[in-house]
Every structure is written in C-alpha cells, then in structure tokens.
Amino acid sequence: MSDSDIKKAGKTYEGLTRQQLIEAYRLMYTSRRVDDREILLKRQQKIYFQISGAGHEAVGVAAAFAMKPGYDWFYAYYRDRALCLALGVTPYEMLLQEWARRMIPAPAGGR
C-alpha cells in the first residue's frame, strides 16, 4: 500500500491502516486456532508430532508484513505458523502436512 493510499484510507495506528490491523488479527487468530486443533489431534493420537507456536503469532505476522512478496526469502521453523499463514499457506495445507499427505508448498507471490 502506498503512502497516498494510506492517507486516503484515513487514520493509522503505528503506521497500520484499519484494514491491516484487522488482517493481522485474523491471521493471529487463525494461527492460534490451527495450533489448538493440532493439540487436540495430538491428544487423540491422530497425529504424532506437534510443537505449539502459541505466543509467537504477532511476531510472525509482523515479519510477514515487513517482507516483500516475490523478493524476500525465509526458512520457516516449527513456530512460524503465523508467518506461513500470512504468506499464503492455508490451514488445510498445514493439517495435510501433519498426516504427511503432501509437502507444504512454498508460498509464491505472497499475501
């Protein structure tokens, strides 16, 4: 979003528009819900491995917002669920990975 678009959109909070704040919250919430679902599946012994990313959602979304799609590179690790969601990986693809149904794709083109 360009500076002129931000000025047209109105007020900002710490440089983020209202829409960006809503998107950040949606991504953080989705990340936590996927994490919660995996914990439940682990307790039911339907998946065999789960490392929680709880508490790392905001930093992952902030990192994704700072990246340039199609330009920046990153290597995700087990607590980067929010980063991957913000860069285009779907919750469905994350859950498929838990069952090793297919490899998680590298996001192309970003958010």
N, C-alpha and C. Protein backbone atom coordinates (compact mmCIF):
# COMPACT_ATOMS: atom_id res chain seq x y z
N MET A 1 0.85 -1.16 0.00
CA MET A 1 0.00 0.00 0.00
C MET A 1 0.90 1.23 0.00
N SER A 2 0.66 2.16 -0.88
CA SER A 2 1.49 3.36 -0.99
C SER A 2 1.09 4.38 0.07
N ASP A 3 1.94 5.40 0.26
CA ASP A 3 1.66 6.44 1.24
C ASP A 3 0.37 7.19 0.91
N SER A 4 0.13 7.40 -0.39
CA SER A 4 -1.10 8.11 -0.78
C SER A 4 -2.34 7.27 -0.46
N ASP A 5 -2.23 5.95 -0.63
CA ASP A 5 -3.36 5.07 -0.28
C ASP A 5 -3.64 5.12 1.22
N ILE A 6 -2.57 5.17 2.02
CA ILE A 6 -2.73 5.23 3.48
C ILE A 6 -3.41 6.54 3.87
N LYS A 7 -2.98 7.65 3.25
CA LYS A 7 -3.59 8.94 3.56
C LYS A 7 -5.07 8.95 3.18
N LYS A 8 -5.41 8.32 2.05
CA LYS A 8 -6.81 8.25 1.62
C LYS A 8 -7.63 7.38 2.56
N ALA A 9 -6.99 6.33 3.11
CA ALA A 9 -7.71 5.40 3.99
C ALA A 9 -8.04 6.03 5.33
N GLY A 10 -7.38 7.10 5.68
CA GLY A 10 -7.69 7.78 6.94
C GLY A 10 -6.65 7.49 8.00
N LYS A 11 -7.12 7.43 9.23
CA LYS A 11 -6.24 7.28 10.39
C LYS A 11 -5.46 5.98 10.34
N THR A 12 -4.29 6.02 10.93
CA THR A 12 -3.48 4.81 11.08
C THR A 12 -3.10 4.66 12.54
N TYR A 13 -2.72 3.46 12.90
CA TYR A 13 -2.22 3.18 14.24
C TYR A 13 -0.83 2.59 14.07
N GLU A 14 0.17 3.30 14.54
CA GLU A 14 1.56 2.86 14.40
C GLU A 14 1.89 2.53 12.95
N GLY A 15 1.32 3.29 12.01
CA GLY A 15 1.61 3.11 10.60
C GLY A 15 0.78 2.06 9.90
N LEU A 16 -0.14 1.41 10.60
CA LEU A 16 -1.00 0.38 10.01
C LEU A 16 -2.41 0.92 9.85
N THR A 17 -3.02 0.63 8.71
CA THR A 17 -4.40 1.04 8.48
C THR A 17 -5.34 0.14 9.26
N ARG A 18 -6.58 0.54 9.33
CA ARG A 18 -7.60 -0.27 10.00
C ARG A 18 -7.69 -1.67 9.36
N GLN A 19 -7.64 -1.70 8.02
CA GLN A 19 -7.74 -2.98 7.31
C GLN A 19 -6.53 -3.88 7.61
N GLN A 20 -5.35 -3.30 7.69
CA GLN A 20 -4.15 -4.08 8.02
C GLN A 20 -4.23 -4.63 9.44
N LEU A 21 -4.76 -3.85 10.36
CA LEU A 21 -4.92 -4.32 11.74
C LEU A 21 -5.91 -5.47 11.81
N ILE A 22 -7.00 -5.37 11.07
CA ILE A 22 -7.99 -6.45 11.04
C ILE A 22 -7.37 -7.71 10.44
N GLU A 23 -6.62 -7.55 9.35
CA GLU A 23 -5.97 -8.71 8.72
C GLU A 23 -4.95 -9.33 9.66
N ALA A 24 -4.19 -8.53 10.38
CA ALA A 24 -3.21 -9.05 11.33
C ALA A 24 -3.91 -9.86 12.43
N TYR A 25 -5.01 -9.32 12.95
CA TYR A 25 -5.75 -10.04 13.99
C TYR A 25 -6.31 -11.35 13.44
N ARG A 26 -6.87 -11.32 12.22
CA ARG A 26 -7.42 -12.53 11.62
C ARG A 26 -6.35 -13.60 11.48
N LEU A 27 -5.17 -13.22 11.04
CA LEU A 27 -4.07 -14.17 10.87
C LEU A 27 -3.60 -14.73 12.22
N MET A 28 -3.50 -13.87 13.23
CA MET A 28 -3.08 -14.34 14.56
C MET A 28 -4.12 -15.29 15.15
N TYR A 29 -5.38 -14.95 14.99
CA TYR A 29 -6.46 -15.81 15.50
C TYR A 29 -6.47 -17.16 14.78
N THR A 30 -6.33 -17.14 13.46
CA THR A 30 -6.30 -18.39 12.69
C THR A 30 -5.11 -19.24 13.10
N SER A 31 -3.97 -18.62 13.30
CA SER A 31 -2.79 -19.36 13.72
C SER A 31 -3.03 -20.07 15.05
N ARG A 32 -3.62 -19.37 15.99
CA ARG A 32 -3.88 -19.97 17.31
C ARG A 32 -4.90 -21.09 17.21
N ARG A 33 -5.92 -20.92 16.38
CA ARG A 33 -6.95 -21.96 16.23
C ARG A 33 -6.38 -23.22 15.59
N VAL A 34 -5.51 -23.07 14.58
CA VAL A 34 -4.87 -24.24 13.97
C VAL A 34 -4.00 -24.94 15.01
N ASP A 35 -3.28 -24.16 15.80
CA ASP A 35 -2.45 -24.71 16.86
C ASP A 35 -3.31 -25.50 17.85
N ASP A 36 -4.43 -24.92 18.27
CA ASP A 36 -5.34 -25.59 19.20
C ASP A 36 -5.88 -26.90 18.61
N ARG A 37 -6.20 -26.89 17.32
CA ARG A 37 -6.72 -28.09 16.66
C ARG A 37 -5.66 -29.19 16.64
N GLU A 38 -4.41 -28.80 16.36
CA GLU A 38 -3.33 -29.79 16.35
C GLU A 38 -3.11 -30.39 17.73
N ILE A 39 -3.21 -29.58 18.77
CA ILE A 39 -3.07 -30.09 20.13
C ILE A 39 -4.15 -31.13 20.41
N LEU A 40 -5.38 -30.83 19.99
CA LEU A 40 -6.48 -31.78 20.16
C LEU A 40 -6.22 -33.07 19.39
N LEU A 41 -5.77 -32.95 18.14
CA LEU A 41 -5.48 -34.14 17.34
C LEU A 41 -4.35 -34.96 17.95
N LYS A 42 -3.38 -34.29 18.55
CA LYS A 42 -2.27 -35.00 19.21
C LYS A 42 -2.78 -35.77 20.41
N ARG A 43 -3.65 -35.16 21.20
CA ARG A 43 -4.22 -35.84 22.37
C ARG A 43 -5.06 -37.05 21.95
N GLN A 44 -5.69 -36.97 20.78
CA GLN A 44 -6.48 -38.09 20.27
C GLN A 44 -5.63 -39.12 19.55
N GLN A 45 -4.33 -38.88 19.49
CA GLN A 45 -3.36 -39.74 18.82
C GLN A 45 -3.66 -39.91 17.32
N LYS A 46 -4.19 -38.85 16.73
CA LYS A 46 -4.43 -38.85 15.29
C LYS A 46 -3.25 -38.26 14.53
N ILE A 47 -2.44 -37.47 15.23
CA ILE A 47 -1.15 -37.03 14.71
C ILE A 47 -0.12 -37.37 15.76
N TYR A 48 1.12 -37.45 15.37
CA TYR A 48 2.14 -37.97 16.28
C TYR A 48 3.16 -36.92 16.70
N PHE A 49 3.05 -35.71 16.19
CA PHE A 49 4.04 -34.69 16.49
C PHE A 49 3.37 -33.33 16.44
N GLN A 50 3.59 -32.52 17.47
CA GLN A 50 3.04 -31.17 17.47
C GLN A 50 3.88 -30.31 18.39
N ILE A 51 4.37 -29.21 17.87
CA ILE A 51 5.07 -28.23 18.69
C ILE A 51 4.28 -26.94 18.59
N SER A 52 3.86 -26.44 19.73
CA SER A 52 2.99 -25.27 19.77
C SER A 52 3.73 -24.00 19.36
N GLY A 53 3.03 -23.16 18.63
CA GLY A 53 3.54 -21.85 18.27
C GLY A 53 2.82 -20.75 19.04
N ALA A 54 2.06 -21.14 20.07
CA ALA A 54 1.29 -20.18 20.84
C ALA A 54 2.21 -19.12 21.45
N GLY A 55 1.80 -17.87 21.29
CA GLY A 55 2.58 -16.77 21.81
C GLY A 55 3.52 -16.15 20.78
N HIS A 56 3.65 -16.79 19.63
CA HIS A 56 4.54 -16.30 18.58
C HIS A 56 3.76 -15.71 17.40
N GLU A 57 2.44 -15.59 17.54
CA GLU A 57 1.61 -15.17 16.41
C GLU A 57 1.91 -13.75 15.94
N ALA A 58 2.00 -12.81 16.86
CA ALA A 58 2.18 -11.41 16.47
C ALA A 58 3.51 -11.18 15.76
N VAL A 59 4.56 -11.79 16.27
CA VAL A 59 5.87 -11.58 15.64
C VAL A 59 5.91 -12.20 14.24
N GLY A 60 5.22 -13.32 14.04
CA GLY A 60 5.16 -13.95 12.72
C GLY A 60 4.42 -13.10 11.71
N VAL A 61 3.29 -12.55 12.13
CA VAL A 61 2.51 -11.69 11.24
C VAL A 61 3.28 -10.41 10.93
N ALA A 62 3.91 -9.83 11.95
CA ALA A 62 4.70 -8.61 11.73
C ALA A 62 5.85 -8.87 10.75
N ALA A 63 6.50 -10.02 10.88
CA ALA A 63 7.59 -10.36 9.96
C ALA A 63 7.07 -10.47 8.53
N ALA A 64 5.91 -11.11 8.38
CA ALA A 64 5.33 -11.27 7.04
C ALA A 64 4.95 -9.92 6.44
N PHE A 65 4.41 -9.02 7.26
CA PHE A 65 4.04 -7.70 6.77
C PHE A 65 5.27 -6.90 6.33
N ALA A 66 6.41 -7.18 6.93
CA ALA A 66 7.65 -6.46 6.59
C ALA A 66 8.34 -7.04 5.37
N MET A 67 7.96 -8.24 4.96
CA MET A 67 8.60 -8.89 3.82
C MET A 67 8.03 -8.39 2.50
N LYS A 68 8.84 -8.48 1.47
CA LYS A 68 8.41 -8.12 0.11
C LYS A 68 8.09 -9.41 -0.63
N PRO A 69 6.81 -9.65 -0.97
CA PRO A 69 6.44 -10.87 -1.69
C PRO A 69 7.20 -11.00 -3.00
N GLY A 70 7.69 -12.19 -3.27
CA GLY A 70 8.41 -12.45 -4.51
C GLY A 70 9.84 -11.95 -4.51
N TYR A 71 10.28 -11.38 -3.39
CA TYR A 71 11.63 -10.84 -3.31
C TYR A 71 12.41 -11.43 -2.13
N ASP A 72 11.82 -11.34 -0.94
CA ASP A 72 12.48 -11.83 0.27
C ASP A 72 12.39 -13.34 0.39
N TRP A 73 13.41 -13.92 1.00
CA TRP A 73 13.46 -15.36 1.26
C TRP A 73 13.35 -15.58 2.76
N PHE A 74 12.79 -16.72 3.12
CA PHE A 74 12.77 -17.09 4.54
C PHE A 74 12.78 -18.61 4.65
N TYR A 75 13.22 -19.08 5.78
CA TYR A 75 13.20 -20.50 6.09
C TYR A 75 12.37 -20.67 7.35
N ALA A 76 11.23 -21.28 7.22
CA ALA A 76 10.32 -21.43 8.36
C ALA A 76 10.81 -22.52 9.30
N TYR A 77 10.50 -22.34 10.57
CA TYR A 77 10.74 -23.39 11.55
C TYR A 77 9.42 -23.67 12.26
N TYR A 78 9.43 -24.53 13.22
CA TYR A 78 8.19 -25.06 13.77
C TYR A 78 7.30 -24.04 14.45
N ARG A 79 7.77 -22.89 14.82
CA ARG A 79 6.92 -21.88 15.45
C ARG A 79 6.49 -20.78 14.48
N ASP A 80 6.69 -20.96 13.21
CA ASP A 80 6.38 -19.94 12.20
C ASP A 80 5.03 -20.14 11.52
N ARG A 81 4.07 -20.66 12.22
CA ARG A 81 2.75 -20.89 11.64
C ARG A 81 2.11 -19.59 11.16
N ALA A 82 2.14 -18.54 11.99
CA ALA A 82 1.52 -17.26 11.62
C ALA A 82 2.23 -16.63 10.42
N LEU A 83 3.53 -16.74 10.37
CA LEU A 83 4.29 -16.23 9.22
C LEU A 83 3.86 -16.95 7.96
N CYS A 84 3.77 -18.26 8.01
CA CYS A 84 3.38 -19.04 6.82
C CYS A 84 1.95 -18.72 6.40
N LEU A 85 1.04 -18.58 7.36
CA LEU A 85 -0.34 -18.21 7.03
C LEU A 85 -0.37 -16.84 6.35
N ALA A 86 0.39 -15.89 6.87
CA ALA A 86 0.40 -14.54 6.31
C ALA A 86 1.02 -14.51 4.91
N LEU A 87 1.85 -15.50 4.61
CA LEU A 87 2.48 -15.55 3.28
C LEU A 87 1.73 -16.45 2.31
N GLY A 88 0.60 -17.01 2.74
CA GLY A 88 -0.26 -17.70 1.79
C GLY A 88 -0.49 -19.19 1.99
N VAL A 89 0.14 -19.81 2.97
CA VAL A 89 -0.12 -21.22 3.23
C VAL A 89 -1.48 -21.32 3.94
N THR A 90 -2.30 -22.26 3.54
CA THR A 90 -3.64 -22.39 4.13
C THR A 90 -3.62 -23.32 5.34
N PRO A 91 -4.59 -23.17 6.25
CA PRO A 91 -4.68 -24.11 7.37
C PRO A 91 -4.86 -25.55 6.88
N TYR A 92 -5.59 -25.74 5.80
CA TYR A 92 -5.79 -27.08 5.23
C TYR A 92 -4.45 -27.71 4.85
N GLU A 93 -3.58 -26.93 4.20
CA GLU A 93 -2.27 -27.45 3.81
C GLU A 93 -1.43 -27.78 5.04
N MET A 94 -1.57 -26.99 6.08
CA MET A 94 -0.83 -27.27 7.32
C MET A 94 -1.29 -28.58 7.95
N LEU A 95 -2.60 -28.80 7.96
CA LEU A 95 -3.10 -30.04 8.54
C LEU A 95 -2.76 -31.25 7.67
N LEU A 96 -2.75 -31.08 6.35
CA LEU A 96 -2.32 -32.19 5.49
C LEU A 96 -0.88 -32.58 5.78
N GLN A 97 -0.08 -31.60 6.09
CA GLN A 97 1.32 -31.88 6.41
C GLN A 97 1.43 -32.74 7.66
N GLU A 98 0.53 -32.53 8.61
CA GLU A 98 0.56 -33.32 9.84
C GLU A 98 0.39 -34.82 9.56
N TRP A 99 -0.39 -35.12 8.54
CA TRP A 99 -0.59 -36.52 8.17
C TRP A 99 0.34 -36.95 7.04
N ALA A 100 1.27 -36.08 6.68
CA ALA A 100 2.24 -36.35 5.61
C ALA A 100 1.54 -36.72 4.31
N ARG A 101 0.45 -36.04 4.01
CA ARG A 101 -0.30 -36.31 2.79
C ARG A 101 0.34 -35.67 1.57
N ARG A 102 0.97 -34.53 1.77
CA ARG A 102 1.73 -33.90 0.70
C ARG A 102 2.63 -32.85 1.35
N MET A 103 3.63 -32.45 0.62
CA MET A 103 4.56 -31.47 1.14
C MET A 103 3.89 -30.09 1.17
N ILE A 104 4.24 -29.31 2.17
CA ILE A 104 3.71 -27.96 2.25
C ILE A 104 4.35 -27.13 1.14
N PRO A 105 3.55 -26.40 0.40
CA PRO A 105 4.14 -25.64 -0.72
C PRO A 105 4.85 -24.39 -0.23
N ALA A 106 5.82 -23.95 -0.98
CA ALA A 106 6.44 -22.66 -0.70
C ALA A 106 5.53 -21.59 -1.28
N PRO A 107 5.11 -20.62 -0.47
CA PRO A 107 4.21 -19.61 -0.98
C PRO A 107 4.84 -18.82 -2.12
N ALA A 108 4.13 -18.68 -3.20
CA ALA A 108 4.62 -17.91 -4.35
C ALA A 108 3.77 -16.67 -4.47
N GLY A 109 4.39 -15.54 -4.51
CA GLY A 109 3.65 -14.30 -4.71
C GLY A 109 3.22 -13.62 -3.44
N GLY A 110 3.30 -14.29 -2.30
CA GLY A 110 2.98 -13.66 -1.02
C GLY A 110 1.52 -13.42 -0.80
N ARG A 111 1.23 -12.54 0.13
CA ARG A 111 -0.16 -12.29 0.53
C ARG A 111 -0.90 -11.44 -0.43
